[in-house]
């Protein structure tokens, strides 16, 4: 089922949420952004747990703005999974079916199928206190899906789990989507989760939308430095735009002149701009590899071994530095003078506000 949010606003002292977006049937959309940007508030308003000051929430074309939570056809999965402590796994999953009067045989069949799909067969009589964090979240997901909601809302469900459990639960969510095909709105501050799970991502900052796009668009073509930094970070070198000919932008900076394949509408010469590139898109180059590269000279200030590669911090002088990666098989040394190369198509130029 689809979900549409139009003109939604909510004001608190010093903060105003203002949103317009839609989620298509069967789509997985993530709301991401730093703490305090309005992600959870938006989710609670859609679920009916909080009232908006103005605007409309519709689910499958039906205006639900004034309906209570139980009438919206929404499943909600909280960060702490909030299982009923006095009910075992089977009764937790079947709780929503029970209060809706679903016949006993049908209820048992649906609960058994969901536990099987969540790899929880055999856990029916387990008490919540006997579950691991990942098991508890899978039970919470099964409970939310048992009533066959039109829309499933997740509020940072993996944030309290360790890395191994996060990967396991992410896989469980992907598998449940493939089998059941539910529409999802997922709140997270974890960029990796959003990139791996989502069909589209909505990036929020201070109550407003910065960018909406596919994971590939958000990561590969961020609209501004905030989005670029939030998704993986990188190197930002301030300067002034001196040319935009041929669909490329050239920026004059204190570290040199850099060119990137960033098209600009109209003329942007003379405006302040920032040359941005991700560390993983750069490399240490020799003289023979300089063609088609933006070049940055510096001295290695630090090296961080990351397994199959090493991240090097490069001091470019005047208190300015950049980061780059080299394969773990290479052995650079701290203090070594190097040349960092950034391919022209890997750089992005942002016009400063």
C-alpha atoms as a PDB file:
ATOM      1  CA  UNK A   1       0.000   0.000   0.000  1.00  0.00           C
ATOM      2  CA  UNK A   2       1.201   3.537  -0.713  1.00  0.00           C
ATOM      3  CA  UNK A   3       1.694   6.341   1.785  1.00  0.00           C
ATOM      4  CA  UNK A   4       1.579  10.048   1.031  1.00  0.00           C
ATOM      5  CA  UNK A   5       2.562  12.941   3.280  1.00  0.00           C
ATOM      6  CA  UNK A   6       1.524  16.406   2.117  1.00  0.00           C
ATOM      7  CA  UNK A   7       2.135  19.727   3.837  1.00  0.00           C
ATOM      8  CA  UNK A   8       2.908  17.980   7.107  1.00  0.00           C
ATOM      9  CA  UNK A   9       4.111  20.347   9.812  1.00  0.00           C
ATOM     10  CA  UNK A  10       4.789  20.167  13.523  1.00  0.00           C
ATOM     11  CA  UNK A  11       6.307  22.954  15.605  1.00  0.00           C
ATOM     12  CA  UNK A  12       8.149  22.753  18.910  1.00  0.00           C
ATOM     13  CA  UNK A  13      10.132  25.513  20.635  1.00  0.00           C
ATOM     14  CA  UNK A  14      13.132  26.102  18.385  1.00  0.00           C
ATOM     15  CA  UNK A  15      12.158  23.430  15.851  1.00  0.00           C
ATOM     16  CA  UNK A  16       9.729  23.058  12.952  1.00  0.00           C
ATOM     17  CA  UNK A  17       9.088  19.899  10.945  1.00  0.00           C
ATOM     18  CA  UNK A  18       7.899  20.471   7.367  1.00  0.00           C
ATOM     19  CA  UNK A  19       7.593  17.492   5.015  1.00  0.00           C
ATOM     20  CA  UNK A  20       6.201  16.448   1.624  1.00  0.00           C
ATOM     21  CA  UNK A  21       6.967  12.965   0.278  1.00  0.00           C
ATOM     22  CA  UNK A  22       5.390   9.699  -0.816  1.00  0.00           C
ATOM     23  CA  UNK A  23       6.124   5.980  -0.510  1.00  0.00           C
ATOM     24  CA  UNK A  24       4.938   3.744  -3.342  1.00  0.00           C
ATOM     25  CA  UNK A  25       3.301   0.351  -2.873  1.00  0.00           C
ATOM     26  CA  UNK A  26       5.914  -2.259  -1.933  1.00  0.00           C
ATOM     27  CA  UNK A  27       8.673   0.346  -1.699  1.00  0.00           C
ATOM     28  CA  UNK A  28      11.274   0.544   1.068  1.00  0.00           C
ATOM     29  CA  UNK A  29      12.021   4.181   1.921  1.00  0.00           C
ATOM     30  CA  UNK A  30      14.418   5.286   4.652  1.00  0.00           C
ATOM     31  CA  UNK A  31      14.274   8.552   6.568  1.00  0.00           C
ATOM     32  CA  UNK A  32      17.819   9.428   7.593  1.00  0.00           C
ATOM     33  CA  UNK A  33      19.540  12.331   9.254  1.00  0.00           C
ATOM     34  CA  UNK A  34      21.317  13.380  12.441  1.00  0.00           C
ATOM     35  CA  UNK A  35      19.711  13.241  15.870  1.00  0.00           C
ATOM     36  CA  UNK A  36      16.999  15.842  16.317  1.00  0.00           C
ATOM     37  CA  UNK A  37      16.229  16.274  12.601  1.00  0.00           C
ATOM     38  CA  UNK A  38      12.609  15.072  12.930  1.00  0.00           C
ATOM     39  CA  UNK A  39      12.792  11.434  11.774  1.00  0.00           C
ATOM     40  CA  UNK A  40      10.968   9.833  14.696  1.00  0.00           C
ATOM     41  CA  UNK A  41       8.462  12.689  14.959  1.00  0.00           C
ATOM     42  CA  UNK A  42       7.493  12.122  11.317  1.00  0.00           C
ATOM     43  CA  UNK A  43       7.069   8.395  11.929  1.00  0.00           C
ATOM     44  CA  UNK A  44       4.930   8.924  15.029  1.00  0.00           C
ATOM     45  CA  UNK A  45       2.664  11.359  13.178  1.00  0.00           C
ATOM     46  CA  UNK A  46       2.184   8.879  10.317  1.00  0.00           C
ATOM     47  CA  UNK A  47       1.392   6.138  12.838  1.00  0.00           C
ATOM     48  CA  UNK A  48      -1.126   8.366  14.630  1.00  0.00           C
ATOM     49  CA  UNK A  49       0.854   8.391  17.884  1.00  0.00           C
ATOM     50  CA  UNK A  50       1.329  12.145  17.624  1.00  0.00           C
ATOM     51  CA  UNK A  51      -0.802  14.879  16.059  1.00  0.00           C
ATOM     52  CA  UNK A  52       0.480  17.203  13.325  1.00  0.00           C
ATOM     53  CA  UNK A  53      -0.222  20.935  13.410  1.00  0.00           C
ATOM     54  CA  UNK A  54      -1.284  20.791   9.776  1.00  0.00           C
ATOM     55  CA  UNK A  55      -1.058  18.652   6.652  1.00  0.00           C
ATOM     56  CA  UNK A  56      -2.355  15.289   5.502  1.00  0.00           C
ATOM     57  CA  UNK A  57      -1.311  11.643   5.804  1.00  0.00           C
ATOM     58  CA  UNK A  58      -2.944   9.233   3.366  1.00  0.00           C
ATOM     59  CA  UNK A  59      -2.486   5.476   3.132  1.00  0.00           C
ATOM     60  CA  UNK A  60      -3.496   3.797  -0.115  1.00  0.00           C
ATOM     61  CA  UNK A  61      -5.327   6.965  -1.111  1.00  0.00           C
ATOM     62  CA  UNK A  62      -7.323   7.152   2.134  1.00  0.00           C
ATOM     63  CA  UNK A  63      -6.899  10.202   4.371  1.00  0.00           C
ATOM     64  CA  UNK A  64      -6.014   8.829   7.817  1.00  0.00           C
ATOM     65  CA  UNK A  65      -4.948  12.123   9.398  1.00  0.00           C
ATOM     66  CA  UNK A  66      -7.746  12.083  11.987  1.00  0.00           C
ATOM     67  CA  UNK A  67      -7.890   8.330  12.588  1.00  0.00           C
ATOM     68  CA  UNK A  68      -6.502   6.688  15.752  1.00  0.00           C
ATOM     69  CA  UNK A  69      -3.475   4.392  15.359  1.00  0.00           C
ATOM     70  CA  UNK A  70      -5.482   1.153  15.375  1.00  0.00           C
ATOM     71  CA  UNK A  71      -7.563   2.344  12.416  1.00  0.00           C
ATOM     72  CA  UNK A  72      -4.662   3.248  10.130  1.00  0.00           C
ATOM     73  CA  UNK A  73      -3.514  -0.213   9.066  1.00  0.00           C
ATOM     74  CA  UNK A  74       0.038   0.502  10.201  1.00  0.00           C
ATOM     75  CA  UNK A  75       2.562  -1.795  11.890  1.00  0.00           C
ATOM     76  CA  UNK A  76       5.117  -0.080  14.147  1.00  0.00           C
ATOM     77  CA  UNK A  77       8.439  -1.588  15.250  1.00  0.00           C
ATOM     78  CA  UNK A  78      10.237   0.314  17.976  1.00  0.00           C
ATOM     79  CA  UNK A  79      13.931   0.538  18.775  1.00  0.00           C
ATOM     80  CA  UNK A  80      13.595  -1.623  21.905  1.00  0.00           C
ATOM     81  CA  UNK A  81      11.099  -4.044  20.242  1.00  0.00           C
ATOM     82  CA  UNK A  82       8.721  -3.632  23.255  1.00  0.00           C
ATOM     83  CA  UNK A  83       7.557  -7.233  23.544  1.00  0.00           C
ATOM     84  CA  UNK A  84       4.884  -7.983  26.117  1.00  0.00           C
ATOM     85  CA  UNK A  85       6.924  -9.435  29.030  1.00  0.00           C
ATOM     86  CA  UNK A  86       4.080 -11.637  30.301  1.00  0.00           C
ATOM     87  CA  UNK A  87       3.476 -13.340  26.927  1.00  0.00           C
ATOM     88  CA  UNK A  88       5.633 -15.976  25.271  1.00  0.00           C
ATOM     89  CA  UNK A  89       6.814 -15.671  21.666  1.00  0.00           C
ATOM     90  CA  UNK A  90       3.768 -17.371  20.179  1.00  0.00           C
ATOM     91  CA  UNK A  91       1.320 -15.203  22.111  1.00  0.00           C
ATOM     92  CA  UNK A  92       3.298 -12.013  21.400  1.00  0.00           C
ATOM     93  CA  UNK A  93       3.149 -12.642  17.656  1.00  0.00           C
ATOM     94  CA  UNK A  94      -0.516 -13.583  17.782  1.00  0.00           C
ATOM     95  CA  UNK A  95      -1.596 -10.749  20.069  1.00  0.00           C
ATOM     96  CA  UNK A  96      -2.885  -8.458  17.322  1.00  0.00           C
ATOM     97  CA  UNK A  97      -4.765 -11.328  15.691  1.00  0.00           C
ATOM     98  CA  UNK A  98      -6.334 -12.280  19.004  1.00  0.00           C
ATOM     99  CA  UNK A  99      -7.718  -8.806  19.736  1.00  0.00           C
ATOM    100  CA  UNK A 100      -9.069  -8.616  16.174  1.00  0.00           C
ATOM    101  CA  UNK A 101     -11.025 -11.802  16.697  1.00  0.00           C
ATOM    102  CA  UNK A 102      -9.168 -13.920  14.124  1.00  0.00           C
ATOM    103  CA  UNK A 103     -10.325 -17.574  14.523  1.00  0.00           C
ATOM    104  CA  UNK A 104      -7.958 -19.762  16.548  1.00  0.00           C
ATOM    105  CA  UNK A 105      -6.949 -22.096  13.710  1.00  0.00           C
ATOM    106  CA  UNK A 106      -6.188 -19.243  11.315  1.00  0.00           C
ATOM    107  CA  UNK A 107      -4.303 -17.417  14.051  1.00  0.00           C
ATOM    108  CA  UNK A 108      -2.121 -20.430  14.771  1.00  0.00           C
ATOM    109  CA  UNK A 109      -1.392 -20.970  11.081  1.00  0.00           C
ATOM    110  CA  UNK A 110      -0.382 -17.351  10.512  1.00  0.00           C
ATOM    111  CA  UNK A 111       1.791 -17.258  13.620  1.00  0.00           C
ATOM    112  CA  UNK A 112       3.536 -20.508  12.657  1.00  0.00           C
ATOM    113  CA  UNK A 113       4.203 -19.262   9.119  1.00  0.00           C
ATOM    114  CA  UNK A 114       5.659 -15.982  10.358  1.00  0.00           C
ATOM    115  CA  UNK A 115       7.895 -17.669  12.932  1.00  0.00           C
ATOM    116  CA  UNK A 116       9.131 -19.984  10.193  1.00  0.00           C
ATOM    117  CA  UNK A 117       9.893 -17.044   7.907  1.00  0.00           C
ATOM    118  CA  UNK A 118      11.749 -15.282  10.744  1.00  0.00           C
ATOM    119  CA  UNK A 119      13.782 -18.442  11.496  1.00  0.00           C
ATOM    120  CA  UNK A 120      12.094 -18.689  14.888  1.00  0.00           C
ATOM    121  CA  UNK A 121      10.396 -22.084  14.552  1.00  0.00           C
ATOM    122  CA  UNK A 122      10.819 -23.871  17.894  1.00  0.00           C
ATOM    123  CA  UNK A 123      10.792 -20.609  19.836  1.00  0.00           C
ATOM    124  CA  UNK A 124       7.008 -20.562  20.317  1.00  0.00           C
ATOM    125  CA  UNK A 125       7.094 -21.100  24.098  1.00  0.00           C
ATOM    126  CA  UNK A 126      10.135 -18.952  24.811  1.00  0.00           C
ATOM    127  CA  UNK A 127       9.641 -16.014  27.162  1.00  0.00           C
ATOM    128  CA  UNK A 128      10.892 -12.558  26.043  1.00  0.00           C
ATOM    129  CA  UNK A 129      13.570 -12.504  28.734  1.00  0.00           C
ATOM    130  CA  UNK A 130      15.091 -15.644  27.183  1.00  0.00           C
ATOM    131  CA  UNK A 131      15.651 -14.063  23.768  1.00  0.00           C
ATOM    132  CA  UNK A 132      18.738 -12.374  22.390  1.00  0.00           C
ATOM    133  CA  UNK A 133      18.466  -8.855  21.004  1.00  0.00           C
ATOM    134  CA  UNK A 134      18.268 -10.091  17.429  1.00  0.00           C
ATOM    135  CA  UNK A 135      15.695 -12.762  18.301  1.00  0.00           C
ATOM    136  CA  UNK A 136      13.577 -10.183  20.107  1.00  0.00           C
ATOM    137  CA  UNK A 137      13.611  -7.894  17.082  1.00  0.00           C
ATOM    138  CA  UNK A 138      12.589 -10.756  14.786  1.00  0.00           C
ATOM    139  CA  UNK A 139       9.675 -11.524  17.108  1.00  0.00           C
ATOM    140  CA  UNK A 140       8.698  -7.835  17.025  1.00  0.00           C
ATOM    141  CA  UNK A 141       8.817  -7.879  13.213  1.00  0.00           C
ATOM    142  CA  UNK A 142       6.681 -11.041  13.094  1.00  0.00           C
ATOM    143  CA  UNK A 143       4.161  -9.466  15.494  1.00  0.00           C
ATOM    144  CA  UNK A 144       3.921  -6.328  13.339  1.00  0.00           C
ATOM    145  CA  UNK A 145       3.431  -8.374  10.156  1.00  0.00           C
ATOM    146  CA  UNK A 146       0.899 -10.791  11.682  1.00  0.00           C
ATOM    147  CA  UNK A 147      -1.997  -8.351  11.246  1.00  0.00           C
ATOM    148  CA  UNK A 148      -1.002  -7.783   7.612  1.00  0.00           C
ATOM    149  CA  UNK A 149      -0.591  -4.027   7.865  1.00  0.00           C
ATOM    150  CA  UNK A 150      -0.744  -1.772   4.826  1.00  0.00           C
ATOM    151  CA  UNK A 151       2.464  -0.061   5.929  1.00  0.00           C
ATOM    152  CA  UNK A 152       5.270  -1.069   8.315  1.00  0.00           C
ATOM    153  CA  UNK A 153       7.115   1.680  10.201  1.00  0.00           C
ATOM    154  CA  UNK A 154      10.524   1.007  11.743  1.00  0.00           C
ATOM    155  CA  UNK A 155      12.012   3.392  14.316  1.00  0.00           C
ATOM    156  CA  UNK A 156      15.773   2.660  14.436  1.00  0.00           C
ATOM    157  CA  UNK A 157      15.175  -1.044  15.153  1.00  0.00           C
ATOM    158  CA  UNK A 158      18.833  -2.064  14.916  1.00  0.00           C
ATOM    159  CA  UNK A 159      20.547   0.741  16.806  1.00  0.00           C
ATOM    160  CA  UNK A 160      20.904  -1.224  20.063  1.00  0.00           C
ATOM    161  CA  UNK A 161      22.365  -4.340  18.400  1.00  0.00           C
ATOM    162  CA  UNK A 162      26.014  -5.236  17.949  1.00  0.00           C
ATOM    163  CA  UNK A 163      27.430  -5.272  14.388  1.00  0.00           C
ATOM    164  CA  UNK A 164      26.926  -9.009  13.825  1.00  0.00           C
ATOM    165  CA  UNK A 165      23.305  -8.872  14.978  1.00  0.00           C
ATOM    166  CA  UNK A 166      22.694  -5.761  12.879  1.00  0.00           C
ATOM    167  CA  UNK A 167      23.814  -7.630   9.756  1.00  0.00           C
ATOM    168  CA  UNK A 168      21.675 -10.627  10.693  1.00  0.00           C
ATOM    169  CA  UNK A 169      18.590  -8.505  11.326  1.00  0.00           C
ATOM    170  CA  UNK A 170      19.118  -6.519   8.109  1.00  0.00           C
ATOM    171  CA  UNK A 171      19.145  -9.821   6.242  1.00  0.00           C
ATOM    172  CA  UNK A 172      15.952 -10.878   8.052  1.00  0.00           C
ATOM    173  CA  UNK A 173      14.200  -7.659   7.015  1.00  0.00           C
ATOM    174  CA  UNK A 174      15.286  -8.088   3.382  1.00  0.00           C
ATOM    175  CA  UNK A 175      14.092 -11.692   3.395  1.00  0.00           C
ATOM    176  CA  UNK A 176      10.722 -10.768   4.945  1.00  0.00           C
ATOM    177  CA  UNK A 177      10.252  -8.098   2.266  1.00  0.00           C
ATOM    178  CA  UNK A 178      10.932 -10.580  -0.520  1.00  0.00           C
ATOM    179  CA  UNK A 179       8.472 -13.107   0.920  1.00  0.00           C
ATOM    180  CA  UNK A 180       5.676 -10.758   2.034  1.00  0.00           C
ATOM    181  CA  UNK A 181       6.261  -7.585   0.004  1.00  0.00           C
ATOM    182  CA  UNK A 182       5.164  -5.012   2.561  1.00  0.00           C
ATOM    183  CA  UNK A 183       5.563  -1.246   2.122  1.00  0.00           C
ATOM    184  CA  UNK A 184       8.151   0.187   4.493  1.00  0.00           C
ATOM    185  CA  UNK A 185       9.135   3.515   6.006  1.00  0.00           C
ATOM    186  CA  UNK A 186      12.348   3.044   7.961  1.00  0.00           C
ATOM    187  CA  UNK A 187      13.986   5.534  10.300  1.00  0.00           C
ATOM    188  CA  UNK A 188      17.722   5.253  10.900  1.00  0.00           C
ATOM    189  CA  UNK A 189      20.778   7.395  11.511  1.00  0.00           C
ATOM    190  CA  UNK A 190      22.993   4.631  10.116  1.00  0.00           C
ATOM    191  CA  UNK A 191      24.028   5.393   6.549  1.00  0.00           C
ATOM    192  CA  UNK A 192      25.045   1.813   5.808  1.00  0.00           C
ATOM    193  CA  UNK A 193      21.614   0.456   6.754  1.00  0.00           C
ATOM    194  CA  UNK A 194      19.885   3.008   4.563  1.00  0.00           C
ATOM    195  CA  UNK A 195      22.132   2.304   1.574  1.00  0.00           C
ATOM    196  CA  UNK A 196      21.798  -1.487   1.802  1.00  0.00           C
ATOM    197  CA  UNK A 197      18.055  -1.736   2.553  1.00  0.00           C
ATOM    198  CA  UNK A 198      16.382   1.120   0.705  1.00  0.00           C
ATOM    199  CA  UNK A 199      14.799   1.640  -2.676  1.00  0.00           C
ATOM    200  CA  UNK A 200      14.871   5.373  -1.952  1.00  0.00           C
ATOM    201  CA  UNK A 201      16.319   7.543   0.795  1.00  0.00           C
ATOM    202  CA  UNK A 202      14.969  10.799   2.232  1.00  0.00           C
ATOM    203  CA  UNK A 203      17.686  12.885   3.887  1.00  0.00           C
ATOM    204  CA  UNK A 204      16.461  15.216   6.632  1.00  0.00           C
ATOM    205  CA  UNK A 205      18.147  18.126   8.357  1.00  0.00           C
ATOM    206  CA  UNK A 206      16.575  20.422  10.968  1.00  0.00           C
ATOM    207  CA  UNK A 207      13.037  19.363  10.091  1.00  0.00           C
ATOM    208  CA  UNK A 208      13.307  19.726   6.315  1.00  0.00           C
ATOM    209  CA  UNK A 209      14.193  17.509   3.357  1.00  0.00           C
ATOM    210  CA  UNK A 210      17.664  17.957   1.864  1.00  0.00           C
ATOM    211  CA  UNK A 211      17.458  15.311  -0.863  1.00  0.00           C
ATOM    212  CA  UNK A 212      15.338  12.362  -2.029  1.00  0.00           C
ATOM    213  CA  UNK A 213      16.813   9.709  -4.289  1.00  0.00           C
ATOM    214  CA  UNK A 214      17.971   6.150  -4.784  1.00  0.00           C
ATOM    215  CA  UNK A 215      20.942   4.952  -2.701  1.00  0.00           C
ATOM    216  CA  UNK A 216      23.120   5.298  -5.813  1.00  0.00           C
ATOM    217  CA  UNK A 217      21.953   8.894  -6.379  1.00  0.00           C
ATOM    218  CA  UNK A 218      22.366   9.916  -2.746  1.00  0.00           C
ATOM    219  CA  UNK A 219      25.859   8.478  -2.479  1.00  0.00           C
ATOM    220  CA  UNK A 220      27.142   9.190  -5.966  1.00  0.00           C
ATOM    221  CA  UNK A 221      25.480  12.524  -6.658  1.00  0.00           C
ATOM    222  CA  UNK A 222      24.804  14.304  -3.360  1.00  0.00           C
ATOM    223  CA  UNK A 223      22.993  17.610  -3.734  1.00  0.00           C
ATOM    224  CA  UNK A 224      25.063  19.536  -1.194  1.00  0.00           C
ATOM    225  CA  UNK A 225      27.989  19.136   1.244  1.00  0.00           C
ATOM    226  CA  UNK A 226      25.672  18.109   4.104  1.00  0.00           C
ATOM    227  CA  UNK A 227      24.375  15.075   2.200  1.00  0.00           C
ATOM    228  CA  UNK A 228      27.860  14.242   0.944  1.00  0.00           C
ATOM    229  CA  UNK A 229      29.347  14.372   4.445  1.00  0.00           C
ATOM    230  CA  UNK A 230      26.478  12.445   6.034  1.00  0.00           C
ATOM    231  CA  UNK A 231      26.857   9.573   3.574  1.00  0.00           C
ATOM    232  CA  UNK A 232      30.413   8.476   4.006  1.00  0.00           C
ATOM    233  CA  UNK A 233      32.090  11.814   4.371  1.00  0.00           C
ATOM    234  CA  UNK A 234      35.032  12.857   2.257  1.00  0.00           C
ATOM    235  CA  UNK A 235      37.353  15.707   1.505  1.00  0.00           C
ATOM    236  CA  UNK A 236      36.059  19.235   1.014  1.00  0.00           C
ATOM    237  CA  UNK A 237      38.369  21.920  -0.360  1.00  0.00           C
ATOM    238  CA  UNK A 238      36.951  25.463  -0.444  1.00  0.00           C
ATOM    239  CA  UNK A 239      37.654  27.811  -3.318  1.00  0.00           C
ATOM    240  CA  UNK A 240      36.137  29.895  -6.088  1.00  0.00           C
ATOM    241  CA  UNK A 241      34.556  28.689  -9.329  1.00  0.00           C
ATOM    242  CA  UNK A 242      36.536  30.012 -12.280  1.00  0.00           C
ATOM    243  CA  UNK A 243      34.918  28.110 -15.144  1.00  0.00           C
ATOM    244  CA  UNK A 244      32.020  25.871 -16.121  1.00  0.00           C
ATOM    245  CA  UNK A 245      32.764  25.213 -19.777  1.00  0.00           C
ATOM    246  CA  UNK A 246      31.933  21.938 -21.438  1.00  0.00           C
ATOM    247  CA  UNK A 247      29.689  20.725 -18.635  1.00  0.00           C
ATOM    248  CA  UNK A 248      32.562  20.716 -16.130  1.00  0.00           C
ATOM    249  CA  UNK A 249      33.301  23.013 -13.236  1.00  0.00           C
ATOM    250  CA  UNK A 250      36.776  24.266 -12.338  1.00  0.00           C
ATOM    251  CA  UNK A 251      37.582  25.547  -8.848  1.00  0.00           C
ATOM    252  CA  UNK A 252      40.611  27.584  -7.808  1.00  0.00           C
ATOM    253  CA  UNK A 253      41.723  26.656  -4.276  1.00  0.00           C
ATOM    254  CA  UNK A 254      44.712  27.139  -2.009  1.00  0.00           C
ATOM    255  CA  UNK A 255      45.828  23.614  -2.967  1.00  0.00           C
ATOM    256  CA  UNK A 256      45.580  24.162  -6.693  1.00  0.00           C
ATOM    257  CA  UNK A 257      43.068  24.186  -9.501  1.00  0.00           C
ATOM    258  CA  UNK A 258      40.607  21.280  -9.597  1.00  0.00           C
ATOM    259  CA  UNK A 259      38.183  20.186 -12.275  1.00  0.00           C
ATOM    260  CA  UNK A 260      35.105  18.004 -11.842  1.00  0.00           C
ATOM    261  CA  UNK A 261      32.433  16.771 -14.198  1.00  0.00           C
ATOM    262  CA  UNK A 262      29.686  18.710 -12.436  1.00  0.00           C
ATOM    263  CA  UNK A 263      27.285  20.470 -14.805  1.00  0.00           C
ATOM    264  CA  UNK A 264      25.906  23.853 -13.752  1.00  0.00           C
ATOM    265  CA  UNK A 265      22.868  25.633 -15.152  1.00  0.00           C
ATOM    266  CA  UNK A 266      23.730  29.146 -16.291  1.00  0.00           C
ATOM    267  CA  UNK A 267      26.964  30.853 -15.353  1.00  0.00           C
ATOM    268  CA  UNK A 268      28.644  30.286 -11.981  1.00  0.00           C
ATOM    269  CA  UNK A 269      32.048  31.918 -12.501  1.00  0.00           C
ATOM    270  CA  UNK A 270      33.183  33.973  -9.539  1.00  0.00           C
ATOM    271  CA  UNK A 271      30.983  32.218  -7.008  1.00  0.00           C
ATOM    272  CA  UNK A 272      32.366  30.521  -3.907  1.00  0.00           C
ATOM    273  CA  UNK A 273      32.479  26.774  -4.332  1.00  0.00           C
ATOM    274  CA  UNK A 274      33.745  23.579  -2.752  1.00  0.00           C
ATOM    275  CA  UNK A 275      35.600  20.748  -4.469  1.00  0.00           C
ATOM    276  CA  UNK A 276      34.519  17.451  -2.854  1.00  0.00           C
ATOM    277  CA  UNK A 277      35.814  13.918  -3.301  1.00  0.00           C
ATOM    278  CA  UNK A 278      35.581  10.726  -1.297  1.00  0.00           C
ATOM    279  CA  UNK A 279      38.736   9.105   0.044  1.00  0.00           C
ATOM    280  CA  UNK A 280      37.869   5.803  -1.663  1.00  0.00           C
ATOM    281  CA  UNK A 281      37.812   7.541  -5.049  1.00  0.00           C
ATOM    282  CA  UNK A 282      41.357   8.829  -4.679  1.00  0.00           C
ATOM    283  CA  UNK A 283      44.708   7.110  -4.807  1.00  0.00           C
ATOM    284  CA  UNK A 284      48.410   7.770  -4.524  1.00  0.00           C
ATOM    285  CA  UNK A 285      49.809   8.260  -8.022  1.00  0.00           C
ATOM    286  CA  UNK A 286      53.181   8.312  -9.712  1.00  0.00           C
ATOM    287  CA  UNK A 287      54.289  10.562 -12.526  1.00  0.00           C
ATOM    288  CA  UNK A 288      53.101   8.140 -15.199  1.00  0.00           C
ATOM    289  CA  UNK A 289      49.547   8.040 -13.777  1.00  0.00           C
ATOM    290  CA  UNK A 290      48.825  11.754 -13.734  1.00  0.00           C
ATOM    291  CA  UNK A 291      46.781  12.012 -16.927  1.00  0.00           C
ATOM    292  CA  UNK A 292      43.107  12.743 -16.295  1.00  0.00           C
ATOM    293  CA  UNK A 293      43.694  13.385 -12.613  1.00  0.00           C
ATOM    294  CA  UNK A 294      43.318  16.253 -10.191  1.00  0.00           C
ATOM    295  CA  UNK A 295      46.572  16.259  -8.215  1.00  0.00           C
ATOM    296  CA  UNK A 296      47.135  17.177  -4.561  1.00  0.00           C
ATOM    297  CA  UNK A 297      50.612  17.302  -3.065  1.00  0.00           C
ATOM    298  CA  UNK A 298      51.286  16.567   0.576  1.00  0.00           C
ATOM    299  CA  UNK A 299      53.065  14.594   3.245  1.00  0.00           C
ATOM    300  CA  UNK A 300      51.727  11.475   4.964  1.00  0.00           C
ATOM    301  CA  UNK A 301      50.784  12.431   8.532  1.00  0.00           C
ATOM    302  CA  UNK A 302      49.057   9.225   9.648  1.00  0.00           C
ATOM    303  CA  UNK A 303      48.208   5.717   8.455  1.00  0.00           C
ATOM    304  CA  UNK A 304      45.252   3.588   9.564  1.00  0.00           C
ATOM    305  CA  UNK A 305      45.303  -0.088   8.634  1.00  0.00           C
ATOM    306  CA  UNK A 306      41.773  -1.328   7.725  1.00  0.00           C
ATOM    307  CA  UNK A 307      42.456  -4.867   6.568  1.00  0.00           C
ATOM    308  CA  UNK A 308      42.452  -4.977   2.779  1.00  0.00           C
ATOM    309  CA  UNK A 309      43.402  -1.309   2.542  1.00  0.00           C
ATOM    310  CA  UNK A 310      44.979   1.514   4.542  1.00  0.00           C
ATOM    311  CA  UNK A 311      43.604   5.005   5.005  1.00  0.00           C
ATOM    312  CA  UNK A 312      46.262   7.684   4.842  1.00  0.00           C
ATOM    313  CA  UNK A 313      45.940  11.206   6.184  1.00  0.00           C
ATOM    314  CA  UNK A 314      47.831  13.703   4.072  1.00  0.00           C
ATOM    315  CA  UNK A 315      49.070  17.035   5.413  1.00  0.00           C
ATOM    316  CA  UNK A 316      48.844  19.527   2.554  1.00  0.00           C
ATOM    317  CA  UNK A 317      50.262  22.468   4.508  1.00  0.00           C
ATOM    318  CA  UNK A 318      48.707  25.504   6.188  1.00  0.00           C
ATOM    319  CA  UNK A 319      46.820  23.206   8.546  1.00  0.00           C
ATOM    320  CA  UNK A 320      44.859  21.603   5.712  1.00  0.00           C
ATOM    321  CA  UNK A 321      44.676  17.888   4.996  1.00  0.00           C
ATOM    322  CA  UNK A 322      42.912  15.240   2.910  1.00  0.00           C
ATOM    323  CA  UNK A 323      42.424  11.479   3.176  1.00  0.00           C
ATOM    324  CA  UNK A 324      43.048   8.771   0.575  1.00  0.00           C
ATOM    325  CA  UNK A 325      43.230   4.983   0.436  1.00  0.00           C
ATOM    326  CA  UNK A 326      45.993   2.658  -0.699  1.00  0.00           C
ATOM    327  CA  UNK A 327      45.917  -1.156  -0.985  1.00  0.00           C
ATOM    328  CA  UNK A 328      47.200  -2.969   2.103  1.00  0.00           C
ATOM    329  CA  UNK A 329      49.971  -4.443  -0.040  1.00  0.00           C
ATOM    330  CA  UNK A 330      51.499  -0.981  -0.389  1.00  0.00           C
ATOM    331  CA  UNK A 331      53.651   0.221   2.471  1.00  0.00           C
ATOM    332  CA  UNK A 332      53.722   4.030   2.619  1.00  0.00           C
ATOM    333  CA  UNK A 333      55.631   5.667   5.450  1.00  0.00           C
ATOM    334  CA  UNK A 334      54.702   8.544   7.722  1.00  0.00           C
ATOM    335  CA  UNK A 335      56.565  11.638   6.584  1.00  0.00           C
ATOM    336  CA  UNK A 336      56.729  10.518   2.963  1.00  0.00           C
ATOM    337  CA  UNK A 337      55.905  13.145   0.313  1.00  0.00           C
ATOM    338  CA  UNK A 338      53.195  11.894  -2.017  1.00  0.00           C
ATOM    339  CA  UNK A 339      50.832  12.914  -4.792  1.00  0.00           C
ATOM    340  CA  UNK A 340      47.128  12.160  -4.337  1.00  0.00           C
ATOM    341  CA  UNK A 341      45.193  11.699  -7.561  1.00  0.00           C
ATOM    342  CA  UNK A 342      41.451  12.287  -7.941  1.00  0.00           C
ATOM    343  CA  UNK A 343      39.888  11.271 -11.295  1.00  0.00           C
ATOM    344  CA  UNK A 344      37.953  14.096 -12.955  1.00  0.00           C
ATOM    345  CA  UNK A 345      34.720  12.106 -12.875  1.00  0.00           C
ATOM    346  CA  UNK A 346      35.123  11.384  -9.138  1.00  0.00           C
ATOM    347  CA  UNK A 347      35.108  15.021  -8.037  1.00  0.00           C
ATOM    348  CA  UNK A 348      31.992  17.070  -7.269  1.00  0.00           C
ATOM    349  CA  UNK A 349      31.759  20.849  -7.133  1.00  0.00           C
ATOM    350  CA  UNK A 350      29.189  22.446  -4.869  1.00  0.00           C
ATOM    351  CA  UNK A 351      28.154  26.082  -5.119  1.00  0.00           C
ATOM    352  CA  UNK A 352      28.271  27.529  -1.607  1.00  0.00           C
ATOM    353  CA  UNK A 353      25.061  28.985  -0.223  1.00  0.00           C
END
